[in-house]
Amino acid sequence: MTWSILSWLLPATMGALLLSAGIEDARTREIANGKNAAIALLAPLWWVSIGLDPWPGMAIQLGVAAIAFAFFVGAFALGQMGGGDVKMIGALALWLTPANLMSMLMVMAIVGGVLTILFLIENRVKRGDRGGIEVPYGVAIAIAGLLTLREPLLNQFT
């Protein structure tokens, strides 16, 4: 298998993992650690397949992912996100350039806001507003990741 085939196969695999994680979070409100680990562990193969230099390219990817992960650990500590969501953002950050990561986070925020509004409406209509809601934010992360994924697939070397 050549690196060019991997440069298509790896993002497709990551897309399938994101889709699976989003469905799992919608059903169970949990994301399996194995899915997040697979996304993270496939990233170095992705870097090699697209010809990313170890310095500074791979170092930047690791640094940006660490910053994103640390930021969202803060959201977890405040009870704003689940641990699986935080791990998925950190793993996904390994795959995206800093600019693409920012785009992904903006789309994630918008989709997450829409999901929250829908869950609030459902809570009020169906349940008579009994308590708080639990939004499967992994769905928003997966949708944003899938939408952002088109960039590395269609434009790998810019």
Protein backbone atom coordinates (compact mmCIF):
# COMPACT_ATOMS: atom_id res chain seq x y z
CA MET A 1 0.00 0.00 0.00
CA THR A 2 1.45 3.37 -0.96
CA TRP A 3 1.35 6.55 1.10
CA SER A 4 -1.02 8.16 -1.41
CA ILE A 5 -3.59 5.43 -0.78
CA LEU A 6 -3.15 5.96 2.96
CA SER A 7 -3.73 9.68 2.53
CA TRP A 8 -7.28 8.76 1.45
CA LEU A 9 -7.82 5.63 3.55
CA LEU A 10 -6.82 7.17 6.88
CA PRO A 11 -9.24 10.15 6.72
CA ALA A 12 -11.99 7.79 5.57
CA THR A 13 -11.28 5.60 8.60
CA MET A 14 -11.29 8.65 10.84
CA GLY A 15 -14.60 9.71 9.32
CA ALA A 16 -16.08 6.31 10.10
CA LEU A 17 -14.78 6.56 13.68
CA LEU A 18 -16.32 10.03 14.07
CA LEU A 19 -19.64 8.84 12.70
CA SER A 20 -19.60 5.85 15.03
CA ALA A 21 -18.68 8.03 18.04
CA GLY A 22 -21.47 10.51 17.25
CA ILE A 23 -24.05 7.73 17.00
CA GLU A 24 -22.76 6.12 20.20
CA ASP A 25 -22.93 9.43 22.08
CA ALA A 26 -26.48 10.07 20.84
CA ARG A 27 -27.57 6.63 22.05
CA THR A 28 -25.66 6.20 25.31
CA ARG A 29 -24.22 9.64 26.17
CA GLU A 30 -20.76 8.05 26.20
CA ILE A 31 -17.92 7.75 23.70
CA ALA A 32 -15.73 4.68 23.91
CA ASN A 33 -12.11 5.36 24.79
CA GLY A 34 -11.06 2.96 22.01
CA LYS A 35 -12.58 5.20 19.34
CA ASN A 36 -10.81 8.28 20.67
CA ALA A 37 -7.56 6.34 20.99
CA ALA A 38 -7.86 5.06 17.41
CA ILE A 39 -8.41 8.61 16.11
CA ALA A 40 -5.36 9.83 18.03
CA LEU A 41 -3.10 6.90 17.15
CA LEU A 42 -3.87 7.11 13.43
CA ALA A 43 -2.84 10.78 13.27
CA PRO A 44 0.94 10.13 13.04
CA LEU A 45 0.34 7.81 10.06
CA TRP A 46 -1.71 10.60 8.50
CA TRP A 47 1.14 13.06 9.03
CA VAL A 48 3.63 10.72 7.33
CA SER A 49 1.23 9.95 4.48
CA ILE A 50 0.82 13.64 3.61
CA GLY A 51 4.54 14.38 3.98
CA LEU A 52 4.41 16.51 7.12
CA ASP A 53 7.90 17.31 8.39
CA PRO A 54 8.74 16.29 11.97
CA TRP A 55 9.94 19.81 12.70
CA PRO A 56 8.05 22.06 12.86
CA GLY A 57 4.97 20.38 11.31
CA MET A 58 4.44 17.42 13.64
CA ALA A 59 5.57 19.44 16.65
CA ILE A 60 2.97 22.11 15.85
CA GLN A 61 0.26 19.45 15.52
CA LEU A 62 1.16 18.00 18.93
CA GLY A 63 1.36 21.42 20.56
CA VAL A 64 -1.95 22.68 19.17
CA ALA A 65 -3.69 19.43 20.13
CA ALA A 66 -2.27 19.67 23.67
CA ILE A 67 -3.52 23.26 24.00
CA ALA A 68 -6.99 22.32 22.70
CA PHE A 69 -7.14 19.32 25.04
CA ALA A 70 -6.06 21.43 28.03
CA PHE A 71 -8.65 24.10 27.24
CA PHE A 72 -11.47 21.57 27.08
CA VAL A 73 -10.26 19.80 30.22
CA GLY A 74 -11.19 23.10 31.86
CA ALA A 75 -14.70 22.80 30.42
CA PHE A 76 -14.85 19.24 31.79
CA ALA A 77 -13.72 20.44 35.22
CA LEU A 78 -16.56 22.98 35.20
CA GLY A 79 -19.06 20.25 34.29
CA GLN A 80 -19.69 21.71 30.85
CA MET A 81 -18.51 18.70 28.80
CA GLY A 82 -18.04 14.99 29.23
CA GLY A 83 -14.66 13.32 29.32
CA GLY A 84 -15.23 11.46 26.06
CA ASP A 85 -16.05 14.73 24.32
CA VAL A 86 -12.82 16.30 25.57
CA LYS A 87 -10.78 13.29 24.46
CA MET A 88 -12.41 13.33 21.03
CA ILE A 89 -11.61 17.03 20.53
CA GLY A 90 -7.99 16.41 21.54
CA ALA A 91 -7.69 13.41 19.21
CA LEU A 92 -9.33 15.25 16.34
CA ALA A 93 -7.01 18.24 16.87
CA LEU A 94 -4.08 15.99 15.95
CA TRP A 95 -5.50 15.71 12.44
CA LEU A 96 -6.26 19.36 11.73
CA THR A 97 -4.10 22.35 10.96
CA PRO A 98 -4.53 25.18 13.47
CA ALA A 99 -6.75 27.08 11.00
CA ASN A 100 -8.88 23.99 10.31
CA LEU A 101 -9.12 23.30 14.04
CA MET A 102 -10.49 26.80 14.63
CA SER A 103 -13.03 26.27 11.85
CA MET A 104 -14.00 22.93 13.34
CA LEU A 105 -14.45 24.47 16.80
CA MET A 106 -16.69 27.21 15.38
CA VAL A 107 -18.87 24.69 13.54
CA MET A 108 -18.91 22.52 16.68
CA ALA A 109 -20.13 25.48 18.75
CA ILE A 110 -22.90 26.29 16.28
CA VAL A 111 -24.07 22.67 15.95
CA GLY A 112 -23.81 22.24 19.73
CA GLY A 113 -25.92 25.35 20.25
CA VAL A 114 -28.58 24.09 17.84
CA LEU A 115 -28.60 20.70 19.59
CA THR A 116 -28.94 22.40 22.96
CA ILE A 117 -31.90 24.47 21.76
CA LEU A 118 -33.57 21.36 20.31
CA PHE A 119 -33.06 19.45 23.56
CA LEU A 120 -34.44 22.40 25.58
CA ILE A 121 -37.54 22.52 23.38
CA GLU A 122 -38.00 18.74 23.67
CA ASN A 123 -37.56 18.95 27.44
CA ARG A 124 -40.16 21.68 27.74
CA VAL A 125 -42.72 20.13 25.35
CA LYS A 126 -42.48 16.43 26.19
CA ARG A 127 -41.42 16.44 29.80
CA GLY A 128 -42.89 19.63 31.17
CA ASP A 129 -39.44 21.09 31.95
CA ARG A 130 -38.43 18.54 34.59
CA GLY A 131 -34.83 19.26 35.42
CA GLY A 132 -31.74 19.77 33.32
CA ILE A 133 -30.87 18.31 29.98
CA GLU A 134 -27.92 16.22 28.87
CA VAL A 135 -26.79 17.17 25.37
CA PRO A 136 -24.80 14.54 23.44
CA TYR A 137 -22.05 16.97 22.46
CA GLY A 138 -20.13 14.18 20.73
CA VAL A 139 -22.71 14.54 17.95
CA ALA A 140 -21.70 18.18 17.43
CA ILE A 141 -18.01 17.28 17.53
CA ALA A 142 -18.52 14.45 15.02
CA ILE A 143 -20.53 16.63 12.62
CA ALA A 144 -17.97 19.44 12.81
CA GLY A 145 -15.12 16.97 12.35
CA LEU A 146 -16.78 15.38 9.33
CA LEU A 147 -17.42 18.77 7.73
CA THR A 148 -13.84 19.84 8.40
CA LEU A 149 -12.51 16.50 7.14
CA ARG A 150 -13.30 17.42 3.56
CA GLU A 151 -10.39 19.90 3.58
CA PRO A 152 -7.55 17.40 4.14
CA LEU A 153 -9.17 14.94 1.74
CA LEU A 154 -9.59 17.40 -1.10
CA ASN A 155 -6.67 19.74 -0.51
CA GLN A 156 -3.87 17.85 1.26
CA PHE A 157 -0.80 19.88 0.45
CA THR A 158 -1.72 23.52 1.05
